[in-house]
PDB file of all heavy atoms in Angstrom:
ATOM      1  N   LEU A   1      -4.304   1.000   9.444  1.00  0.00           N
ATOM      2  CA  LEU A   1      -3.120   0.326   9.958  1.00  0.00           C
ATOM      3  C   LEU A   1      -2.865   0.721  11.422  1.00  0.00           C
ATOM      4  O   LEU A   1      -1.750   0.591  11.905  1.00  0.00           O
ATOM      5  CB  LEU A   1      -1.896   0.710   9.102  1.00  0.00           C
ATOM      6  CG  LEU A   1      -1.969   0.325   7.634  1.00  0.00           C
ATOM      7  CD1 LEU A   1      -0.904   1.049   6.798  1.00  0.00           C
ATOM      8  CD2 LEU A   1      -1.844  -1.185   7.461  1.00  0.00           C
ATOM      9  N   GLY A   2      -3.902   1.197  12.085  1.00  0.00           N
ATOM     10  CA  GLY A   2      -3.741   1.696  13.454  1.00  0.00           C
ATOM     11  C   GLY A   2      -3.284   0.644  14.451  1.00  0.00           C
ATOM     12  O   GLY A   2      -2.860   0.998  15.552  1.00  0.00           O
ATOM     13  N   TYR A   3      -3.377  -0.650  14.098  1.00  0.00           N
ATOM     14  CA  TYR A   3      -2.902  -1.689  14.971  1.00  0.00           C
ATOM     15  C   TYR A   3      -1.395  -1.713  15.118  1.00  0.00           C
ATOM     16  O   TYR A   3      -0.871  -2.399  15.999  1.00  0.00           O
ATOM     17  CB  TYR A   3      -3.415  -3.064  14.474  1.00  0.00           C
ATOM     18  CG  TYR A   3      -3.050  -3.376  13.030  1.00  0.00           C
ATOM     19  CD1 TYR A   3      -1.804  -3.897  12.701  1.00  0.00           C
ATOM     20  CD2 TYR A   3      -3.952  -3.124  12.012  1.00  0.00           C
ATOM     21  CE1 TYR A   3      -1.469  -4.212  11.402  1.00  0.00           C
ATOM     22  CE2 TYR A   3      -3.646  -3.400  10.692  1.00  0.00           C
ATOM     23  CZ  TYR A   3      -2.385  -3.943  10.392  1.00  0.00           C
ATOM     24  OH  TYR A   3      -2.066  -4.193   9.085  1.00  0.00           O
ATOM     25  N   ILE A   4      -0.681  -1.046  14.229  1.00  0.00           N
ATOM     26  CA  ILE A   4       0.778  -0.976  14.313  1.00  0.00           C
ATOM     27  C   ILE A   4       1.138   0.088  15.340  1.00  0.00           C
ATOM     28  O   ILE A   4       0.949   1.280  15.090  1.00  0.00           O
ATOM     29  CB  ILE A   4       1.404  -0.673  12.954  1.00  0.00           C
ATOM     30  CG1 ILE A   4       1.006  -1.742  11.933  1.00  0.00           C
ATOM     31  CG2 ILE A   4       2.937  -0.577  13.072  1.00  0.00           C
ATOM     32  CD1 ILE A   4       1.510  -1.493  10.513  1.00  0.00           C
ATOM     33  N   PRO A   5       1.684  -0.270  16.491  1.00  0.00           N
ATOM     34  CA  PRO A   5       1.840   0.719  17.568  1.00  0.00           C
ATOM     35  C   PRO A   5       2.912   1.772  17.350  1.00  0.00           C
ATOM     36  O   PRO A   5       2.772   2.916  17.721  1.00  0.00           O
ATOM     37  CB  PRO A   5       2.211  -0.159  18.789  1.00  0.00           C
ATOM     38  CG  PRO A   5       2.770  -1.420  18.227  1.00  0.00           C
ATOM     39  CD  PRO A   5       2.082  -1.614  16.909  1.00  0.00           C
ATOM     40  N   LYS A   6       4.002   1.397  16.670  1.00  0.00           N
ATOM     41  CA  LYS A   6       5.087   2.336  16.471  1.00  0.00           C
ATOM     42  C   LYS A   6       4.757   3.213  15.272  1.00  0.00           C
ATOM     43  O   LYS A   6       4.567   2.751  14.136  1.00  0.00           O
ATOM     44  CB  LYS A   6       6.397   1.580  16.225  1.00  0.00           C
ATOM     45  CG  LYS A   6       7.634   2.477  16.257  1.00  0.00           C
ATOM     46  CD  LYS A   6       8.882   1.677  16.327  1.00  0.00           C
ATOM     47  CE  LYS A   6       9.105   1.091  17.705  1.00  0.00           C
ATOM     48  NZ  LYS A   6      10.435   0.454  17.875  1.00  0.00           N
ATOM     49  N   LEU A   7       4.719   4.537  15.522  1.00  0.00           N
ATOM     50  CA  LEU A   7       4.192   5.493  14.506  1.00  0.00           C
ATOM     51  C   LEU A   7       5.009   5.410  13.204  1.00  0.00           C
ATOM     52  O   LEU A   7       4.416   5.372  12.116  1.00  0.00           O
ATOM     53  CB  LEU A   7       4.273   6.908  15.074  1.00  0.00           C
ATOM     54  CG  LEU A   7       3.783   8.014  14.113  1.00  0.00           C
ATOM     55  CD1 LEU A   7       2.357   7.804  13.669  1.00  0.00           C
ATOM     56  CD2 LEU A   7       3.974   9.401  14.767  1.00  0.00           C
ATOM     57  N   ASN A   8       6.334   5.404  13.281  1.00  0.00           N
ATOM     58  CA  ASN A   8       7.116   5.409  12.082  1.00  0.00           C
ATOM     59  C   ASN A   8       6.972   4.114  11.264  1.00  0.00           C
ATOM     60  O   ASN A   8       6.967   4.141  10.024  1.00  0.00           O
ATOM     61  CB  ASN A   8       8.592   5.641  12.373  1.00  0.00           C
ATOM     62  CG  ASN A   8       8.864   7.126  12.673  1.00  0.00           C
ATOM     63  OD1 ASN A   8       8.194   7.999  12.143  1.00  0.00           O
ATOM     64  ND2 ASN A   8       9.842   7.405  13.507  1.00  0.00           N
ATOM     65  N   ARG A   9       6.799   2.987  11.942  1.00  0.00           N
ATOM     66  CA  ARG A   9       6.536   1.730  11.253  1.00  0.00           C
ATOM     67  C   ARG A   9       5.172   1.803  10.578  1.00  0.00           C
ATOM     68  O   ARG A   9       4.995   1.308   9.458  1.00  0.00           O
ATOM     69  CB  ARG A   9       6.644   0.531  12.191  1.00  0.00           C
ATOM     70  CG  ARG A   9       6.333  -0.816  11.606  1.00  0.00           C
ATOM     71  CD  ARG A   9       7.347  -1.222  10.557  1.00  0.00           C
ATOM     72  NE  ARG A   9       7.082  -2.585  10.085  1.00  0.00           N
ATOM     73  CZ  ARG A   9       7.639  -3.140   9.038  1.00  0.00           C
ATOM     74  NH1 ARG A   9       8.505  -2.460   8.288  1.00  0.00           N
ATOM     75  NH2 ARG A   9       7.340  -4.370   8.682  1.00  0.00           N
ATOM     76  N   ARG A  10       4.211   2.403  11.236  1.00  0.00           N
ATOM     77  CA  ARG A  10       2.869   2.537  10.658  1.00  0.00           C
ATOM     78  C   ARG A  10       2.913   3.425   9.386  1.00  0.00           C
ATOM     79  O   ARG A  10       2.283   3.129   8.392  1.00  0.00           O
ATOM     80  CB  ARG A  10       1.925   3.163  11.690  1.00  0.00           C
ATOM     81  CG  ARG A  10       0.442   3.075  11.321  1.00  0.00           C
ATOM     82  CD  ARG A  10      -0.402   3.843  12.307  1.00  0.00           C
ATOM     83  NE  ARG A  10       0.038   3.624  13.699  1.00  0.00           N
ATOM     84  CZ  ARG A  10      -0.091   4.522  14.680  1.00  0.00           C
ATOM     85  NH1 ARG A  10      -0.672   5.685  14.421  1.00  0.00           N
ATOM     86  NH2 ARG A  10       0.308   4.244  15.882  1.00  0.00           N
ATOM     87  N   LYS A  11       3.695   4.530   9.459  1.00  0.00           N
ATOM     88  CA  LYS A  11       3.845   5.373   8.283  1.00  0.00           C
ATOM     89  C   LYS A  11       4.501   4.601   7.128  1.00  0.00           C
ATOM     90  O   LYS A  11       4.062   4.691   5.975  1.00  0.00           O
ATOM     91  CB  LYS A  11       4.696   6.594   8.636  1.00  0.00           C
ATOM     92  CG  LYS A  11       4.043   7.609   9.536  1.00  0.00           C
ATOM     93  CD  LYS A  11       4.977   8.758   9.834  1.00  0.00           C
ATOM     94  CE  LYS A  11       4.367   9.809  10.727  1.00  0.00           C
ATOM     95  NZ  LYS A  11       5.321  10.905  11.002  1.00  0.00           N
ATOM     96  N   TYR A  12       5.528   3.853   7.465  1.00  0.00           N
ATOM     97  CA  TYR A  12       6.217   3.053   6.434  1.00  0.00           C
ATOM     98  C   TYR A  12       5.195   2.070   5.811  1.00  0.00           C
ATOM     99  O   TYR A  12       5.175   1.909   4.587  1.00  0.00           O
ATOM    100  CB  TYR A  12       7.393   2.306   7.051  1.00  0.00           C
ATOM    101  CG  TYR A  12       8.103   1.382   6.078  1.00  0.00           C
ATOM    102  CD1 TYR A  12       9.072   1.859   5.215  1.00  0.00           C
ATOM    103  CD2 TYR A  12       7.723   0.043   5.989  1.00  0.00           C
ATOM    104  CE1 TYR A  12       9.702   1.028   4.338  1.00  0.00           C
ATOM    105  CE2 TYR A  12       8.352  -0.814   5.103  1.00  0.00           C
ATOM    106  CZ  TYR A  12       9.351  -0.325   4.259  1.00  0.00           C
ATOM    107  OH  TYR A  12       9.969  -1.160   3.387  1.00  0.00           O
ATOM    108  N   ALA A  13       4.378   1.444   6.638  1.00  0.00           N
ATOM    109  CA  ALA A  13       3.367   0.503   6.111  1.00  0.00           C
ATOM    110  C   ALA A  13       2.409   1.217   5.176  1.00  0.00           C
ATOM    111  O   ALA A  13       1.998   0.672   4.176  1.00  0.00           O
ATOM    112  CB  ALA A  13       2.593  -0.122   7.302  1.00  0.00           C
ATOM    113  N   GLY A  14       2.042   2.482   5.503  1.00  0.00           N
ATOM    114  CA  GLY A  14       1.209   3.248   4.611  1.00  0.00           C
ATOM    115  C   GLY A  14       1.843   3.497   3.253  1.00  0.00           C
ATOM    116  O   GLY A  14       1.178   3.491   2.217  1.00  0.00           O
ATOM    117  N   ILE A  15       3.149   3.752   3.276  1.00  0.00           N
ATOM    118  CA  ILE A  15       3.880   3.961   2.001  1.00  0.00           C
ATOM    119  C   ILE A  15       3.827   2.670   1.164  1.00  0.00           C
ATOM    120  O   ILE A  15       3.638   2.725  -0.059  1.00  0.00           O
ATOM    121  CB  ILE A  15       5.349   4.352   2.322  1.00  0.00           C
ATOM    122  CG1 ILE A  15       5.363   5.769   2.903  1.00  0.00           C
ATOM    123  CG2 ILE A  15       6.208   4.245   1.080  1.00  0.00           C
ATOM    124  CD1 ILE A  15       6.702   6.189   3.461  1.00  0.00           C
ATOM    125  N   ILE A  16       4.011   1.517   1.812  1.00  0.00           N
ATOM    126  CA  ILE A  16       4.027   0.233   1.070  1.00  0.00           C
ATOM    127  C   ILE A  16       2.640  -0.123   0.561  1.00  0.00           C
ATOM    128  O   ILE A  16       2.489  -0.584  -0.569  1.00  0.00           O
ATOM    129  CB  ILE A  16       4.572  -0.889   1.971  1.00  0.00           C
ATOM    130  CG1 ILE A  16       6.038  -0.603   2.330  1.00  0.00           C
ATOM    131  CG2 ILE A  16       4.437  -2.240   1.296  1.00  0.00           C
ATOM    132  CD1 ILE A  16       6.995  -0.530   1.161  1.00  0.00           C
ATOM    133  N   THR A  17       1.615   0.097   1.352  1.00  0.00           N
ATOM    134  CA  THR A  17       0.245  -0.271   0.895  1.00  0.00           C
ATOM    135  C   THR A  17      -0.180   0.605  -0.290  1.00  0.00           C
ATOM    136  O   THR A  17      -0.897   0.137  -1.185  1.00  0.00           O
ATOM    137  CB  THR A  17      -0.789  -0.166   2.025  1.00  0.00           C
ATOM    138  OG1 THR A  17      -0.739   1.151   2.613  1.00  0.00           O
ATOM    139  CG2 THR A  17      -0.518  -1.188   3.116  1.00  0.00           C
ATOM    140  N   ALA A  18       0.271   1.876  -0.331  1.00  0.00           N
ATOM    141  CA  ALA A  18      -0.042   2.710  -1.503  1.00  0.00           C
ATOM    142  C   ALA A  18       0.648   2.132  -2.742  1.00  0.00           C
ATOM    143  O   ALA A  18       0.053   2.147  -3.852  1.00  0.00           O
ATOM    144  CB  ALA A  18       0.412   4.163  -1.256  1.00  0.00           C
ATOM    145  N   MET A  19       1.869   1.660  -2.584  1.00  0.00           N
ATOM    146  CA  MET A  19       2.566   1.039  -3.704  1.00  0.00           C
ATOM    147  C   MET A  19       1.850  -0.211  -4.179  1.00  0.00           C
ATOM    148  O   MET A  19       1.708  -0.483  -5.367  1.00  0.00           O
ATOM    149  CB  MET A  19       4.011   0.755  -3.322  1.00  0.00           C
ATOM    150  CG  MET A  19       4.906   0.206  -4.421  1.00  0.00           C
ATOM    151  SD  MET A  19       4.791  -1.601  -4.582  1.00  0.00           S
ATOM    152  CE  MET A  19       5.341  -2.146  -2.961  1.00  0.00           C
ATOM    153  N   ASP A  20       1.389  -1.007  -3.200  1.00  0.00           N
ATOM    154  CA  ASP A  20       0.628  -2.243  -3.554  1.00  0.00           C
ATOM    155  C   ASP A  20      -0.624  -1.908  -4.353  1.00  0.00           C
ATOM    156  O   ASP A  20      -0.955  -2.621  -5.310  1.00  0.00           O
ATOM    157  CB  ASP A  20       0.270  -3.012  -2.280  1.00  0.00           C
ATOM    158  CG  ASP A  20      -0.377  -4.326  -2.556  1.00  0.00           C
ATOM    159  OD1 ASP A  20       0.317  -5.277  -2.958  1.00  0.00           O
ATOM    160  OD2 ASP A  20      -1.627  -4.405  -2.432  1.00  0.00           O
ATOM    161  N   GLU A  21      -1.329  -0.851  -3.969  1.00  0.00           N
ATOM    162  CA  GLU A  21      -2.511  -0.452  -4.717  1.00  0.00           C
ATOM    163  C   GLU A  21      -2.177  -0.149  -6.157  1.00  0.00           C
ATOM    164  O   GLU A  21      -2.974  -0.455  -7.075  1.00  0.00           O
ATOM    165  CB  GLU A  21      -3.151   0.792  -4.046  1.00  0.00           C
ATOM    166  CG  GLU A  21      -3.836   0.539  -2.734  1.00  0.00           C
ATOM    167  CD  GLU A  21      -4.312   1.841  -2.101  1.00  0.00           C
ATOM    168  OE1 GLU A  21      -4.464   2.852  -2.840  1.00  0.00           O
ATOM    169  OE2 GLU A  21      -4.490   1.857  -0.864  1.00  0.00           O
ATOM    170  N   SER A  22      -1.033   0.492  -6.385  1.00  0.00           N
ATOM    171  CA  SER A  22      -0.657   0.826  -7.775  1.00  0.00           C
ATOM    172  C   SER A  22      -0.450  -0.414  -8.615  1.00  0.00           C
ATOM    173  O   SER A  22      -0.701  -0.397  -9.804  1.00  0.00           O
ATOM    174  CB  SER A  22       0.619   1.710  -7.758  1.00  0.00           C
ATOM    175  OG  SER A  22       1.774   0.955  -7.518  1.00  0.00           O
ATOM    176  N   ILE A  23       0.048  -1.511  -7.995  1.00  0.00           N
ATOM    177  CA  ILE A  23       0.204  -2.754  -8.731  1.00  0.00           C
ATOM    178  C   ILE A  23      -1.148  -3.250  -9.236  1.00  0.00           C
ATOM    179  O   ILE A  23      -1.284  -3.685 -10.370  1.00  0.00           O
ATOM    180  CB  ILE A  23       0.879  -3.825  -7.856  1.00  0.00           C
ATOM    181  CG1 ILE A  23       2.325  -3.400  -7.537  1.00  0.00           C
ATOM    182  CG2 ILE A  23       0.885  -5.175  -8.521  1.00  0.00           C
ATOM    183  CD1 ILE A  23       3.054  -4.303  -6.555  1.00  0.00           C
ATOM    184  N   GLY A  24      -2.159  -3.165  -8.362  1.00  0.00           N
ATOM    185  CA  GLY A  24      -3.494  -3.554  -8.760  1.00  0.00           C
ATOM    186  C   GLY A  24      -4.007  -2.778  -9.938  1.00  0.00           C
ATOM    187  O   GLY A  24      -4.624  -3.321 -10.881  1.00  0.00           O
ATOM    188  N   LYS A  25      -3.791  -1.475  -9.907  1.00  0.00           N
ATOM    189  CA  LYS A  25      -4.262  -0.617 -11.020  1.00  0.00           C
ATOM    190  C   LYS A  25      -3.537  -0.983 -12.333  1.00  0.00           C
ATOM    191  O   LYS A  25      -4.160  -0.980 -13.403  1.00  0.00           O
ATOM    192  CB  LYS A  25      -4.021   0.840 -10.669  1.00  0.00           C
ATOM    193  CG  LYS A  25      -4.902   1.353  -9.538  1.00  0.00           C
ATOM    194  CD  LYS A  25      -4.574   2.808  -9.162  1.00  0.00           C
ATOM    195  CE  LYS A  25      -5.388   3.286  -8.003  1.00  0.00           C
ATOM    196  NZ  LYS A  25      -5.005   4.673  -7.605  1.00  0.00           N
ATOM    197  N   ILE A  26      -2.292  -1.232 -12.257  1.00  0.00           N
ATOM    198  CA  ILE A  26      -1.491  -1.627 -13.439  1.00  0.00           C
ATOM    199  C   ILE A  26      -1.962  -2.951 -14.016  1.00  0.00           C
ATOM    200  O   ILE A  26      -2.172  -3.098 -15.241  1.00  0.00           O
ATOM    201  CB  ILE A  26       0.000  -1.645 -13.103  1.00  0.00           C
ATOM    202  CG1 ILE A  26       0.521  -0.211 -12.846  1.00  0.00           C
ATOM    203  CG2 ILE A  26       0.812  -2.344 -14.210  1.00  0.00           C
ATOM    204  CD1 ILE A  26       1.828  -0.157 -12.084  1.00  0.00           C
ATOM    205  N   MET A  27      -2.220  -3.920 -13.116  1.00  0.00           N
ATOM    206  CA  MET A  27      -2.704  -5.219 -13.565  1.00  0.00           C
ATOM    207  C   MET A  27      -4.093  -5.089 -14.190  1.00  0.00           C
ATOM    208  O   MET A  27      -4.401  -5.749 -15.208  1.00  0.00           O
ATOM    209  CB  MET A  27      -2.721  -6.197 -12.399  1.00  0.00           C
ATOM    210  CG  MET A  27      -1.325  -6.577 -11.912  1.00  0.00           C
ATOM    211  SD  MET A  27      -0.371  -7.523 -13.130  1.00  0.00           S
ATOM    212  CE  MET A  27      -1.281  -9.102 -13.074  1.00  0.00           C
ATOM    213  N   LYS A  28      -4.951  -4.282 -13.618  1.00  0.00           N
ATOM    214  CA  LYS A  28      -6.297  -4.063 -14.185  1.00  0.00           C
ATOM    215  C   LYS A  28      -6.204  -3.456 -15.572  1.00  0.00           C
ATOM    216  O   LYS A  28      -6.920  -3.877 -16.519  1.00  0.00           O
ATOM    217  CB  LYS A  28      -7.126  -3.180 -13.279  1.00  0.00           C
ATOM    218  CG  LYS A  28      -8.560  -2.995 -13.743  1.00  0.00           C
ATOM    219  CD  LYS A  28      -9.358  -2.127 -12.796  1.00  0.00           C
ATOM    220  CE  LYS A  28     -10.853  -2.075 -13.181  1.00  0.00           C
ATOM    221  NZ  LYS A  28     -11.066  -1.624 -14.574  1.00  0.00           N
ATOM    222  N   ALA A  29      -5.303  -2.477 -15.731  1.00  0.00           N
ATOM    223  CA  ALA A  29      -5.148  -1.831 -17.039  1.00  0.00           C
ATOM    224  C   ALA A  29      -4.666  -2.840 -18.090  1.00  0.00           C
ATOM    225  O   ALA A  29      -5.153  -2.859 -19.211  1.00  0.00           O
ATOM    226  CB  ALA A  29      -4.179  -0.654 -16.908  1.00  0.00           C
ATOM    227  N   LEU A  30      -3.705  -3.703 -17.716  1.00  0.00           N
ATOM    228  CA  LEU A  30      -3.243  -4.720 -18.620  1.00  0.00           C
ATOM    229  C   LEU A  30      -4.350  -5.662 -19.028  1.00  0.00           C
ATOM    230  O   LEU A  30      -4.463  -6.085 -20.188  1.00  0.00           O
ATOM    231  CB  LEU A  30      -2.070  -5.492 -17.998  1.00  0.00           C
ATOM    232  CG  LEU A  30      -0.728  -4.751 -17.859  1.00  0.00           C
ATOM    233  CD1 LEU A  30       0.205  -5.534 -16.979  1.00  0.00           C
ATOM    234  CD2 LEU A  30      -0.088  -4.507 -19.239  1.00  0.00           C
ATOM    235  N   SER A  31      -5.189  -6.015 -18.067  1.00  0.00           N
ATOM    236  CA  SER A  31      -6.297  -6.912 -18.347  1.00  0.00           C
ATOM    237  C   SER A  31      -7.349  -6.221 -19.231  1.00  0.00           C
ATOM    238  O   SER A  31      -7.803  -6.784 -20.233  1.00  0.00           O
ATOM    239  CB  SER A  31      -6.950  -7.339 -17.037  1.00  0.00           C
ATOM    240  OG  SER A  31      -8.118  -8.112 -17.253  1.00  0.00           O
ATOM    241  N   ASP A  32      -7.695  -4.977 -18.893  1.00  0.00           N
ATOM    242  CA  ASP A  32      -8.695  -4.262 -19.681  1.00  0.00           C
ATOM    243  C   ASP A  32      -8.289  -4.078 -21.132  1.00  0.00           C
ATOM    244  O   ASP A  32      -9.135  -4.100 -22.027  1.00  0.00           O
ATOM    245  CB  ASP A  32      -8.950  -2.885 -19.050  1.00  0.00           C
ATOM    246  CG  ASP A  32      -9.676  -2.956 -17.731  1.00  0.00           C
ATOM    247  OD1 ASP A  32     -10.190  -4.034 -17.371  1.00  0.00           O
ATOM    248  OD2 ASP A  32      -9.709  -1.902 -17.020  1.00  0.00           O
TER     249      ASP A  32
END
């Protein structure tokens, strides 16, 4: 996410993308 110039906004984006990854894992588990 280095394209986001403002450091705190970049950190916030990192928090959100980690949450998004967890949705994928939950959906995979439901499918499996």
